[in-house]
PDB file of N, CA and C in Angstrom:
ATOM      1  N   MET A   1      42.756   4.240 -38.566  1.00  0.00           N
ATOM      2  CA  MET A   1      43.323   5.337 -37.747  1.00  0.00           C
ATOM      3  C   MET A   1      44.926   5.189 -37.537  1.00  0.00           C
ATOM      4  N   ASN A   2      45.361   6.176 -37.758  1.00  0.00           N
ATOM      5  CA  ASN A   2      46.739   6.312 -37.895  1.00  0.00           C
ATOM      6  C   ASN A   2      47.590   6.725 -36.441  1.00  0.00           C
ATOM      7  N   THR A   3      48.300   6.042 -35.749  1.00  0.00           N
ATOM      8  CA  THR A   3      48.875   6.130 -34.502  1.00  0.00           C
ATOM      9  C   THR A   3      50.631   6.741 -34.842  1.00  0.00           C
ATOM     10  N   GLN A   4      50.958   7.237 -33.664  1.00  0.00           N
ATOM     11  CA  GLN A   4      52.164   7.758 -33.915  1.00  0.00           C
ATOM     12  C   GLN A   4      53.273   6.728 -34.286  1.00  0.00           C
ATOM     13  N   ASP A   5      53.059   5.635 -34.151  1.00  0.00           N
ATOM     14  CA  ASP A   5      54.121   4.032 -34.301  1.00  0.00           C
ATOM     15  C   ASP A   5      53.869   4.065 -35.490  1.00  0.00           C
ATOM     16  N   GLU A   6      52.351   4.161 -36.326  1.00  0.00           N
ATOM     17  CA  GLU A   6      52.084   3.670 -37.808  1.00  0.00           C
ATOM     18  C   GLU A   6      52.693   4.279 -38.864  1.00  0.00           C
ATOM     19  N   VAL A   7      52.910   3.521 -39.681  1.00  0.00           N
ATOM     20  CA  VAL A   7      53.473   4.247 -41.129  1.00  0.00           C
ATOM     21  C   VAL A   7      52.679   4.221 -42.326  1.00  0.00           C
ATOM     22  N   SER A   8      52.256   5.065 -43.144  1.00  0.00           N
ATOM     23  CA  SER A   8      51.340   5.541 -44.041  1.00  0.00           C
ATOM     24  C   SER A   8      52.316   4.988 -44.943  1.00  0.00           C
ATOM     25  N   LEU A   9      51.464   4.393 -46.266  1.00  0.00           N
ATOM     26  CA  LEU A   9      52.226   3.748 -47.291  1.00  0.00           C
ATOM     27  C   LEU A   9      53.223   5.025 -48.141  1.00  0.00           C
ATOM     28  N   GLU A  10      52.985   5.970 -47.886  1.00  0.00           N
ATOM     29  CA  GLU A  10      53.662   7.164 -48.470  1.00  0.00           C
ATOM     30  C   GLU A  10      54.941   7.495 -47.803  1.00  0.00           C
ATOM     31  N   SER A  11      54.784   7.277 -46.313  1.00  0.00           N
ATOM     32  CA  SER A  11      56.158   7.711 -45.565  1.00  0.00           C
ATOM     33  C   SER A  11      56.773   6.328 -45.817  1.00  0.00           C
ATOM     34  N   ALA A  12      56.274   5.193 -45.816  1.00  0.00           N
ATOM     35  CA  ALA A  12      57.001   3.850 -46.247  1.00  0.00           C
ATOM     36  C   ALA A  12      57.690   3.890 -47.484  1.00  0.00           C
ATOM     37  N   ARG A  13      57.076   4.712 -48.269  1.00  0.00           N
ATOM     38  CA  ARG A  13      57.723   4.739 -49.810  1.00  0.00           C
ATOM     39  C   ARG A  13      58.999   5.412 -49.538  1.00  0.00           C
ATOM     40  N   ALA A  14      58.749   6.662 -48.876  1.00  0.00           N
ATOM     41  CA  ALA A  14      60.049   7.650 -48.800  1.00  0.00           C
ATOM     42  C   ALA A  14      61.116   7.059 -48.074  1.00  0.00           C
ATOM     43  N   ARG A  15      60.745   6.030 -46.740  1.00  0.00           N
ATOM     44  CA  ARG A  15      61.855   5.400 -46.069  1.00  0.00           C
ATOM     45  C   ARG A  15      62.727   4.439 -46.776  1.00  0.00           C
ATOM     46  N   ALA A  16      61.770   3.679 -47.820  1.00  0.00           N
ATOM     47  CA  ALA A  16      62.303   2.460 -48.538  1.00  0.00           C
ATOM     48  C   ALA A  16      63.356   3.408 -49.292  1.00  0.00           C
ATOM     49  N   MET A  17      63.171   4.586 -50.072  1.00  0.00           N
ATOM     50  CA  MET A  17      63.605   5.040 -50.921  1.00  0.00           C
ATOM     51  C   MET A  17      65.158   5.424 -50.233  1.00  0.00           C
ATOM     52  N   GLU A  18      64.890   5.881 -49.044  1.00  0.00           N
ATOM     53  CA  GLU A  18      66.257   6.679 -48.242  1.00  0.00           C
ATOM     54  C   GLU A  18      67.284   5.224 -47.884  1.00  0.00           C
ATOM     55  N   VAL A  19      66.553   3.984 -47.570  1.00  0.00           N
ATOM     56  CA  VAL A  19      67.597   2.931 -47.424  1.00  0.00           C
ATOM     57  C   VAL A  19      68.050   2.429 -48.738  1.00  0.00           C
ATOM     58  N   ARG A  20      67.120   2.489 -49.963  1.00  0.00           N
ATOM     59  CA  ARG A  20      67.703   2.104 -51.088  1.00  0.00           C
ATOM     60  C   ARG A  20      68.876   2.977 -51.554  1.00  0.00           C
ATOM     61  N   ALA A  21      68.702   4.264 -51.184  1.00  0.00           N
ATOM     62  CA  ALA A  21      70.023   4.901 -51.728  1.00  0.00           C
ATOM     63  C   ALA A  21      71.400   4.513 -50.945  1.00  0.00           C
ATOM     64  N   LEU A  22      71.284   4.014 -49.681  1.00  0.00           N
ATOM     65  CA  LEU A  22      72.276   3.653 -49.061  1.00  0.00           C
ATOM     66  C   LEU A  22      72.937   2.619 -49.449  1.00  0.00           C
ATOM     67  N   TYR A  23      72.026   1.690 -50.315  1.00  0.00           N
ATOM     68  CA  TYR A  23      72.522   0.306 -50.820  1.00  0.00           C
ATOM     69  C   TYR A  23      72.839   0.659 -51.937  1.00  0.00           C
ATOM     70  N   GLU A  24      72.450   1.672 -52.743  1.00  0.00           N
ATOM     71  CA  GLU A  24      73.013   2.116 -54.091  1.00  0.00           C
ATOM     72  C   GLU A  24      74.535   2.700 -53.834  1.00  0.00           C
ATOM     73  N   ASP A  25      74.509   3.317 -52.843  1.00  0.00           N
ATOM     74  CA  ASP A  25      76.019   3.825 -52.559  1.00  0.00           C
ATOM     75  C   ASP A  25      76.959   2.587 -52.230  1.00  0.00           C
ATOM     76  N   ILE A  26      76.835   1.469 -51.669  1.00  0.00           N
ATOM     77  CA  ILE A  26      77.489   0.287 -51.360  1.00  0.00           C
ATOM     78  C   ILE A  26      77.423  -0.205 -52.888  1.00  0.00           C
ATOM     79  N   GLU A  27      76.695  -0.573 -53.841  1.00  0.00           N
ATOM     80  CA  GLU A  27      76.530  -0.919 -54.906  1.00  0.00           C
ATOM     81  C   GLU A  27      77.705  -0.643 -56.033  1.00  0.00           C
ATOM     82  N   ARG A  28      77.701   1.273 -55.647  1.00  0.00           N
ATOM     83  CA  ARG A  28      78.531   1.734 -56.899  1.00  0.00           C
ATOM     84  C   ARG A  28      79.970   1.536 -56.496  1.00  0.00           C
ATOM     85  N   GLN A  29      80.309   1.456 -55.129  1.00  0.00           N
ATOM     86  CA  GLN A  29      81.517   1.164 -54.691  1.00  0.00           C
ATOM     87  C   GLN A  29      82.281   0.013 -54.975  1.00  0.00           C
ATOM     88  N   ILE A  30      81.222  -1.146 -54.882  1.00  0.00           N
ATOM     89  CA  ILE A  30      81.363  -2.413 -55.268  1.00  0.00           C
ATOM     90  C   ILE A  30      81.449  -2.891 -56.597  1.00  0.00           C
ATOM     91  N   ASN A  31      80.321  -2.388 -57.268  1.00  0.00           N
ATOM     92  CA  ASN A  31      79.982  -3.026 -58.362  1.00  0.00           C
ATOM     93  C   ASN A  31      80.478  -1.868 -59.503  1.00  0.00           C
ATOM     94  N   GLY A  32      80.505  -0.542 -59.524  1.00  0.00           N
ATOM     95  CA  GLY A  32      80.554   0.619 -60.023  1.00  0.00           C
ATOM     96  C   GLY A  32      79.230   1.004 -60.922  1.00  0.00           C
ATOM     97  N   GLN A  33      78.274   0.497 -60.156  1.00  0.00           N
ATOM     98  CA  GLN A  33      77.009   0.682 -61.008  1.00  0.00           C
ATOM     99  C   GLN A  33      76.080   0.298 -59.821  1.00  0.00           C
ATOM    100  N   VAL A  34      74.769   0.859 -60.245  1.00  0.00           N
ATOM    101  CA  VAL A  34      73.401   0.390 -59.061  1.00  0.00           C
ATOM    102  C   VAL A  34      72.920  -0.923 -59.920  1.00  0.00           C
ATOM    103  N   TRP A  35      72.278  -1.944 -58.852  1.00  0.00           N
ATOM    104  CA  TRP A  35      71.676  -3.102 -59.341  1.00  0.00           C
ATOM    105  C   TRP A  35      70.627  -2.608 -60.572  1.00  0.00           C
ATOM    106  N   THR A  36      70.538  -3.382 -61.351  1.00  0.00           N
ATOM    107  CA  THR A  36      69.381  -3.306 -62.299  1.00  0.00           C
ATOM    108  C   THR A  36      68.037  -3.779 -62.088  1.00  0.00           C
ATOM    109  N   LEU A  37      67.190  -3.579 -62.762  1.00  0.00           N
ATOM    110  CA  LEU A  37      65.773  -4.133 -62.417  1.00  0.00           C
ATOM    111  C   LEU A  37      65.650  -5.738 -61.868  1.00  0.00           C
ATOM    112  N   HIS A  38      66.512  -6.360 -63.079  1.00  0.00           N
ATOM    113  CA  HIS A  38      66.650  -7.666 -62.767  1.00  0.00           C
ATOM    114  C   HIS A  38      67.142  -7.904 -61.584  1.00  0.00           C
ATOM    115  N   GLU A  39      68.296  -7.601 -61.469  1.00  0.00           N
ATOM    116  CA  GLU A  39      68.940  -8.124 -59.992  1.00  0.00           C
ATOM    117  C   GLU A  39      68.157  -7.641 -58.847  1.00  0.00           C
ATOM    118  N   LEU A  40      67.325  -6.382 -58.909  1.00  0.00           N
ATOM    119  CA  LEU A  40      66.353  -6.326 -57.874  1.00  0.00           C
ATOM    120  C   LEU A  40      65.198  -7.114 -57.480  1.00  0.00           C
ATOM    121  N   MET A  41      64.922  -7.708 -58.618  1.00  0.00           N
ATOM    122  CA  MET A  41      63.914  -8.822 -58.870  1.00  0.00           C
ATOM    123  C   MET A  41      64.356 -10.054 -58.152  1.00  0.00           C
ATOM    124  N   LEU A  42      65.684 -10.228 -58.518  1.00  0.00           N
ATOM    125  CA  LEU A  42      66.307 -11.566 -57.873  1.00  0.00           C
ATOM    126  C   LEU A  42      66.355 -11.637 -56.487  1.00  0.00           C
ATOM    127  N   GLY A  43      66.706 -10.297 -55.865  1.00  0.00           N
ATOM    128  CA  GLY A  43      66.716 -10.109 -54.774  1.00  0.00           C
ATOM    129  C   GLY A  43      65.051 -10.512 -53.727  1.00  0.00           C
ATOM    130  N   PHE A  44      64.349  -9.535 -54.554  1.00  0.00           N
ATOM    131  CA  PHE A  44      63.152  -9.988 -54.170  1.00  0.00           C
ATOM    132  C   PHE A  44      62.651 -11.507 -54.160  1.00  0.00           C
ATOM    133  N   SER A  45      62.872 -11.976 -55.089  1.00  0.00           N
ATOM    134  CA  SER A  45      62.390 -13.604 -55.577  1.00  0.00           C
ATOM    135  C   SER A  45      63.102 -14.245 -54.290  1.00  0.00           C
ATOM    136  N   ASN A  46      64.339 -14.050 -53.873  1.00  0.00           N
ATOM    137  CA  ASN A  46      64.949 -14.476 -52.847  1.00  0.00           C
ATOM    138  C   ASN A  46      64.572 -14.731 -51.490  1.00  0.00           C
ATOM    139  N   ASP A  47      63.913 -13.158 -51.466  1.00  0.00           N
ATOM    140  CA  ASP A  47      63.471 -13.022 -50.159  1.00  0.00           C
ATOM    141  C   ASP A  47      61.860 -13.769 -49.841  1.00  0.00           C
ATOM    142  N   VAL A  48      61.091 -13.728 -50.919  1.00  0.00           N
ATOM    143  CA  VAL A  48      59.971 -14.273 -51.107  1.00  0.00           C
ATOM    144  C   VAL A  48      60.085 -16.013 -50.963  1.00  0.00           C
ATOM    145  N   GLY A  49      61.031 -16.551 -51.460  1.00  0.00           N
ATOM    146  CA  GLY A  49      61.455 -17.991 -51.045  1.00  0.00           C
ATOM    147  C   GLY A  49      61.350 -18.082 -49.666  1.00  0.00           C
ATOM    148  N   THR A  50      62.267 -17.037 -48.988  1.00  0.00           N
ATOM    149  CA  THR A  50      62.543 -17.278 -47.722  1.00  0.00           C
ATOM    150  C   THR A  50      61.285 -17.186 -46.849  1.00  0.00           C
ATOM    151  N   VAL A  51      60.413 -16.216 -47.300  1.00  0.00           N
ATOM    152  CA  VAL A  51      59.043 -16.023 -46.616  1.00  0.00           C
ATOM    153  C   VAL A  51      58.169 -17.501 -46.614  1.00  0.00           C
ATOM    154  N   GLY A  52      58.459 -18.096 -47.896  1.00  0.00           N
ATOM    155  CA  GLY A  52      57.767 -19.631 -47.945  1.00  0.00           C
ATOM    156  C   GLY A  52      58.171 -20.320 -47.026  1.00  0.00           C
ATOM    157  N   ARG A  53      59.473 -20.721 -46.780  1.00  0.00           N
ATOM    158  CA  ARG A  53      59.957 -21.549 -46.106  1.00  0.00           C
ATOM    159  C   ARG A  53      59.898 -21.183 -44.359  1.00  0.00           C
ATOM    160  N   LEU A  54      59.693 -19.863 -44.327  1.00  0.00           N
ATOM    161  CA  LEU A  54      59.314 -19.584 -42.930  1.00  0.00           C
ATOM    162  C   LEU A  54      57.727 -20.006 -42.617  1.00  0.00           C
ATOM    163  N   LEU A  55      57.024 -19.714 -43.669  1.00  0.00           N
ATOM    164  CA  LEU A  55      55.617 -20.141 -43.399  1.00  0.00           C
ATOM    165  C   LEU A  55      55.717 -21.560 -43.079  1.00  0.00           C
ATOM    166  N   LEU A  56      56.642 -22.232 -43.731  1.00  0.00           N
ATOM    167  CA  LEU A  56      56.646 -23.840 -43.453  1.00  0.00           C
ATOM    168  C   LEU A  56      57.018 -24.224 -42.065  1.00  0.00           C
ATOM    169  N   ALA A  57      58.007 -23.183 -41.567  1.00  0.00           N
ATOM    170  CA  ALA A  57      58.382 -23.261 -40.249  1.00  0.00           C
ATOM    171  C   ALA A  57      57.685 -22.886 -39.015  1.00  0.00           C
ATOM    172  N   HIS A  58      56.571 -22.134 -39.845  1.00  0.00           N
ATOM    173  CA  HIS A  58      55.349 -21.453 -38.484  1.00  0.00           C
ATOM    174  C   HIS A  58      54.437 -22.418 -38.354  1.00  0.00           C
ATOM    175  N   ASP A  59      54.212 -23.307 -39.576  1.00  0.00           N
ATOM    176  CA  ASP A  59      53.167 -24.327 -39.433  1.00  0.00           C
ATOM    177  C   ASP A  59      53.801 -25.824 -38.707  1.00  0.00           C
ATOM    178  N   GLY A  60      55.003 -25.617 -38.637  1.00  0.00           N
ATOM    179  CA  GLY A  60      55.511 -26.969 -38.362  1.00  0.00           C
ATOM    180  C   GLY A  60      56.065 -27.611 -39.039  1.00  0.00           C
ATOM    181  N   THR A  61      56.188 -27.549 -39.987  1.00  0.00           N
ATOM    182  CA  THR A  61      56.780 -28.573 -41.218  1.00  0.00           C
ATOM    183  C   THR A  61      57.974 -28.124 -41.905  1.00  0.00           C
ATOM    184  N   TRP A  62      58.972 -27.222 -41.424  1.00  0.00           N
ATOM    185  CA  TRP A  62      60.069 -26.969 -41.855  1.00  0.00           C
ATOM    186  C   TRP A  62      61.054 -26.521 -40.539  1.00  0.00           C
ATOM    187  N   ASN A  63      62.174 -26.740 -40.324  1.00  0.00           N
ATOM    188  CA  ASN A  63      62.889 -26.935 -39.097  1.00  0.00           C
ATOM    189  C   ASN A  63      63.794 -25.216 -39.380  1.00  0.00           C
ATOM    190  N   ILE A  64      63.595 -24.504 -38.531  1.00  0.00           N
ATOM    191  CA  ILE A  64      64.474 -23.031 -39.004  1.00  0.00           C
ATOM    192  C   ILE A  64      65.102 -22.774 -37.498  1.00  0.00           C
ATOM    193  N   ASP A  65      66.322 -22.616 -37.699  1.00  0.00           N
ATOM    194  CA  ASP A  65      66.718 -21.888 -36.471  1.00  0.00           C
ATOM    195  C   ASP A  65      66.358 -20.531 -36.059  1.00  0.00           C
ATOM    196  N   GLY A  66      66.044 -20.200 -34.743  1.00  0.00           N
ATOM    197  CA  GLY A  66      65.635 -18.731 -34.488  1.00  0.00           C
ATOM    198  C   GLY A  66      64.266 -18.489 -34.073  1.00  0.00           C
ATOM    199  N   ASP A  67      63.816 -17.433 -33.755  1.00  0.00           N
ATOM    200  CA  ASP A  67      62.673 -16.835 -33.844  1.00  0.00           C
ATOM    201  C   ASP A  67      61.729 -16.897 -35.020  1.00  0.00           C
ATOM    202  N   VAL A  68      60.860 -17.529 -35.264  1.00  0.00           N
ATOM    203  CA  VAL A  68      59.985 -17.824 -36.783  1.00  0.00           C
ATOM    204  C   VAL A  68      59.578 -16.517 -36.825  1.00  0.00           C
ATOM    205  N   ASP A  69      58.733 -16.211 -35.848  1.00  0.00           N
ATOM    206  CA  ASP A  69      57.686 -14.801 -36.013  1.00  0.00           C
ATOM    207  C   ASP A  69      58.692 -13.681 -36.171  1.00  0.00           C
ATOM    208  N   ALA A  70      59.971 -13.387 -35.610  1.00  0.00           N
ATOM    209  CA  ALA A  70      60.839 -12.528 -35.524  1.00  0.00           C
ATOM    210  C   ALA A  70      60.889 -12.606 -36.838  1.00  0.00           C
ATOM    211  N   LEU A  71      61.538 -13.721 -37.610  1.00  0.00           N
ATOM    212  CA  LEU A  71      61.825 -13.840 -38.785  1.00  0.00           C
ATOM    213  C   LEU A  71      61.076 -13.459 -39.790  1.00  0.00           C
ATOM    214  N   LEU A  72      59.817 -13.891 -39.547  1.00  0.00           N
ATOM    215  CA  LEU A  72      58.924 -13.545 -40.623  1.00  0.00           C
ATOM    216  C   LEU A  72      58.567 -12.169 -40.773  1.00  0.00           C
ATOM    217  N   ARG A  73      58.142 -11.321 -39.415  1.00  0.00           N
ATOM    218  CA  ARG A  73      58.158  -9.984 -39.537  1.00  0.00           C
ATOM    219  C   ARG A  73      59.135  -9.453 -40.153  1.00  0.00           C
ATOM    220  N   HIS A  74      60.324  -9.671 -40.020  1.00  0.00           N
ATOM    221  CA  HIS A  74      61.665  -9.064 -40.808  1.00  0.00           C
ATOM    222  C   HIS A  74      61.519  -9.553 -42.482  1.00  0.00           C
ATOM    223  N   LYS A  75      61.399 -10.727 -42.783  1.00  0.00           N
ATOM    224  CA  LYS A  75      61.195 -10.784 -44.202  1.00  0.00           C
ATOM    225  C   LYS A  75      60.008 -10.249 -45.071  1.00  0.00           C
ATOM    226  N   LEU A  76      59.164 -10.238 -44.297  1.00  0.00           N
ATOM    227  CA  LEU A  76      57.782  -9.601 -44.516  1.00  0.00           C
ATOM    228  C   LEU A  76      58.001  -8.151 -44.881  1.00  0.00           C
ATOM    229  N   SER A  77      58.511  -7.413 -43.927  1.00  0.00           N
ATOM    230  CA  SER A  77      58.615  -6.092 -44.186  1.00  0.00           C
ATOM    231  C   SER A  77      59.871  -6.039 -45.060  1.00  0.00           C
ATOM    232  N   GLU A  78      60.994  -6.516 -45.159  1.00  0.00           N
ATOM    233  CA  GLU A  78      61.751  -6.447 -46.480  1.00  0.00           C
ATOM    234  C   GLU A  78      61.163  -6.944 -47.761  1.00  0.00           C
ATOM    235  N   SER A  79      60.160  -7.490 -47.729  1.00  0.00           N
ATOM    236  CA  SER A  79      59.894  -8.099 -49.070  1.00  0.00           C
ATOM    237  C   SER A  79      58.831  -6.848 -49.508  1.00  0.00           C
ATOM    238  N   LEU A  80      57.935  -6.162 -48.716  1.00  0.00           N
ATOM    239  CA  LEU A  80      57.428  -4.576 -48.844  1.00  0.00           C
ATOM    240  C   LEU A  80      58.372  -3.784 -49.314  1.00  0.00           C
ATOM    241  N   TRP A  81      59.647  -3.670 -48.488  1.00  0.00           N
ATOM    242  CA  TRP A  81      60.689  -2.720 -49.148  1.00  0.00           C
ATOM    243  C   TRP A  81      61.007  -3.152 -50.575  1.00  0.00           C
ATOM    244  N   TRP A  82      61.057  -4.429 -51.166  1.00  0.00           N
ATOM    245  CA  TRP A  82      61.280  -4.763 -52.548  1.00  0.00           C
ATOM    246  C   TRP A  82      60.460  -3.985 -53.459  1.00  0.00           C
ATOM    247  N   VAL A  83      59.079  -4.127 -52.820  1.00  0.00           N
ATOM    248  CA  VAL A  83      57.943  -4.076 -54.012  1.00  0.00           C
ATOM    249  C   VAL A  83      58.024  -2.599 -54.101  1.00  0.00           C
ATOM    250  N   ILE A  84      57.964  -1.832 -53.073  1.00  0.00           N
ATOM    251  CA  ILE A  84      58.121  -0.302 -52.836  1.00  0.00           C
ATOM    252  C   ILE A  84      59.254  -0.020 -53.969  1.00  0.00           C
ATOM    253  N   VAL A  85      60.560  -0.605 -53.846  1.00  0.00           N
ATOM    254  CA  VAL A  85      62.090  -0.157 -54.550  1.00  0.00           C
ATOM    255  C   VAL A  85      61.533  -0.622 -55.936  1.00  0.00           C
ATOM    256  N   ILE A  86      60.801  -1.552 -56.265  1.00  0.00           N
ATOM    257  CA  ILE A  86      60.948  -2.183 -58.027  1.00  0.00           C
ATOM    258  C   ILE A  86      59.771  -1.061 -58.294  1.00  0.00           C
ATOM    259  N   ALA A  87      58.658  -0.661 -57.735  1.00  0.00           N
ATOM    260  CA  ALA A  87      57.530   0.078 -58.324  1.00  0.00           C
ATOM    261  C   ALA A  87      58.173   1.614 -58.426  1.00  0.00           C
ATOM    262  N   GLU A  88      58.982   2.159 -57.526  1.00  0.00           N
ATOM    263  CA  GLU A  88      59.670   3.282 -57.689  1.00  0.00           C
ATOM    264  C   GLU A  88      60.687   3.203 -59.168  1.00  0.00           C
ATOM    265  N   ARG A  89      61.070   2.255 -59.210  1.00  0.00           N
ATOM    266  CA  ARG A  89      62.158   1.988 -60.293  1.00  0.00           C
ATOM    267  C   ARG A  89      61.324   2.011 -61.809  1.00  0.00           C
ATOM    268  N   LEU A  90      60.307   1.347 -61.627  1.00  0.00           N
ATOM    269  CA  LEU A  90      59.226   1.566 -62.953  1.00  0.00           C
ATOM    270  C   LEU A  90      58.557   2.677 -63.064  1.00  0.00           C
ATOM    271  N   GLY A  91      58.796   3.487 -62.365  1.00  0.00           N
ATOM    272  CA  GLY A  91      57.857   4.702 -62.084  1.00  0.00           C
ATOM    273  C   GLY A  91      56.153   4.771 -61.705  1.00  0.00           C
ATOM    274  N   ILE A  92      56.229   3.688 -61.230  1.00  0.00           N
ATOM    275  CA  ILE A  92      54.596   3.519 -60.570  1.00  0.00           C
ATOM    276  C   ILE A  92      54.585   4.047 -59.282  1.00  0.00           C
ATOM    277  N   ASP A  93      53.569   4.923 -59.023  1.00  0.00           N
ATOM    278  CA  ASP A  93      53.098   5.461 -57.488  1.00  0.00           C
ATOM    279  C   ASP A  93      52.192   4.468 -57.157  1.00  0.00           C
ATOM    280  N   ILE A  94      53.234   3.849 -55.878  1.00  0.00           N
ATOM    281  CA  ILE A  94      52.501   2.720 -55.416  1.00  0.00           C
ATOM    282  C   ILE A  94      51.289   3.226 -54.571  1.00  0.00           C
ATOM    283  N   THR A  95      51.259   3.815 -53.780  1.00  0.00           N
ATOM    284  CA  THR A  95      50.255   4.378 -53.208  1.00  0.00           C
ATOM    285  C   THR A  95      49.113   4.550 -53.873  1.00  0.00           C
ATOM    286  N   ASP A  96      49.197   5.036 -55.346  1.00  0.00           N
ATOM    287  CA  ASP A  96      47.935   5.383 -55.783  1.00  0.00           C
ATOM    288  C   ASP A  96      47.630   4.053 -56.591  1.00  0.00           C
ATOM    289  N   ALA A  97      48.632   3.124 -57.103  1.00  0.00           N
ATOM    290  CA  ALA A  97      48.195   1.876 -57.678  1.00  0.00           C
ATOM    291  C   ALA A  97      47.746   0.746 -56.640  1.00  0.00           C
ATOM    292  N   TYR A  98      47.892   0.818 -55.462  1.00  0.00           N
ATOM    293  CA  TYR A  98      47.443   0.194 -54.247  1.00  0.00           C
ATOM    294  C   TYR A  98      46.025   0.724 -53.913  1.00  0.00           C
ATOM    295  N   THR A  99      45.833   1.938 -53.747  1.00  0.00           N
ATOM    296  CA  THR A  99      44.594   2.399 -53.680  1.00  0.00           C
ATOM    297  C   THR A  99      43.716   2.044 -54.772  1.00  0.00           C
ATOM    298  N   GLN A 100      43.885   2.412 -56.170  1.00  0.00           N
ATOM    299  CA  GLN A 100      42.914   1.695 -56.906  1.00  0.00           C
ATOM    300  C   GLN A 100      43.098   0.443 -57.149  1.00  0.00           C
ATOM    301  N   THR A 101      43.766  -0.445 -57.035  1.00  0.00           N
ATOM    302  CA  THR A 101      43.580  -1.968 -56.917  1.00  0.00           C
ATOM    303  C   THR A 101      42.651  -2.384 -55.993  1.00  0.00           C
ATOM    304  N   MET A 102      42.824  -2.071 -54.469  1.00  0.00           N
ATOM    305  CA  MET A 102      42.068  -2.652 -53.468  1.00  0.00           C
ATOM    306  C   MET A 102      40.448  -1.723 -53.775  1.00  0.00           C
ATOM    307  N   ASN A 103      40.447  -0.636 -54.163  1.00  0.00           N
ATOM    308  CA  ASN A 103      38.794  -0.139 -54.735  1.00  0.00           C
ATOM    309  C   ASN A 103      38.576  -1.274 -55.947  1.00  0.00           C
ATOM    310  N   GLN A 104      39.255  -1.569 -57.088  1.00  0.00           N
ATOM    311  CA  GLN A 104      38.508  -2.604 -57.817  1.00  0.00           C
ATOM    312  C   GLN A 104      38.262  -3.770 -57.398  1.00  0.00           C
ATOM    313  N   ILE A 105      39.224  -4.116 -56.563  1.00  0.00           N
ATOM    314  CA  ILE A 105      38.877  -5.541 -55.957  1.00  0.00           C
ATOM    315  C   ILE A 105      37.627  -5.439 -54.956  1.00  0.00           C
ATOM    316  N   GLU A 106      37.587  -4.330 -54.075  1.00  0.00           N
ATOM    317  CA  GLU A 106      36.340  -4.386 -53.367  1.00  0.00           C
ATOM    318  C   GLU A 106      35.075  -4.152 -54.125  1.00  0.00           C
ATOM    319  N   ALA A 107      35.285  -3.640 -55.150  1.00  0.00           N
ATOM    320  CA  ALA A 107      33.739  -3.380 -56.015  1.00  0.00           C
ATOM    321  C   ALA A 107      33.470  -4.656 -56.643  1.00  0.00           C
ATOM    322  N   THR A 108      34.494  -5.613 -56.767  1.00  0.00           N
ATOM    323  CA  THR A 108      34.010  -6.816 -57.578  1.00  0.00           C
ATOM    324  C   THR A 108      33.682  -7.837 -56.364  1.00  0.00           C
ATOM    325  N   ILE A 109      34.264  -7.923 -55.407  1.00  0.00           N
ATOM    326  CA  ILE A 109      33.654  -8.797 -54.184  1.00  0.00           C
ATOM    327  C   ILE A 109      32.803  -8.290 -53.168  1.00  0.00           C
ATOM    328  N   SER A 110      32.614  -7.087 -53.251  1.00  0.00           N
ATOM    329  CA  SER A 110      31.286  -6.389 -52.241  1.00  0.00           C
ATOM    330  C   SER A 110      30.156  -6.895 -52.627  1.00  0.00           C
ATOM    331  N   PRO A 111      29.348  -7.411 -51.376  1.00  0.00           N
ATOM    332  CA  PRO A 111      27.894  -7.701 -51.641  1.00  0.00           C
ATOM    333  C   PRO A 111      27.075  -6.614 -52.509  1.00  0.00           C
ATOM    334  N   ARG A 112      26.357  -7.048 -53.385  1.00  0.00           N
ATOM    335  CA  ARG A 112      25.440  -5.838 -54.033  1.00  0.00           C
ATOM    336  C   ARG A 112      24.464  -5.386 -53.227  1.00  0.00           C
ATOM    337  N   SER A 113      24.269  -4.099 -52.925  1.00  0.00           N
ATOM    338  CA  SER A 113      23.170  -3.476 -52.107  1.00  0.00           C
ATOM    339  C   SER A 113      21.787  -3.540 -52.924  1.00  0.00           C
TER     340      SER A 113
END
């Protein structure tokens, strides 16, 4: 059920690309070009590593300054942003891909009637 505050995957994709366009403006100013796919992947990989450290902090096995739950919310959301941006760069309809993938997984693991 969608409430006013919830975001659909399609609206998340549109918003992610709006934010990506702002980054691309900065990249053009600084570097004269937008990030390559490989640079995007490096940014994503860095954030995934941070999520790993935050999970350790959440479990009490890694010391991090700040609100671990707030940092996890931020980095997990940012990681979703990276996935959307990379999918868009590759020409993948992430909404369709997600739906198909979840349907395939569900068909594989659902108890047989």
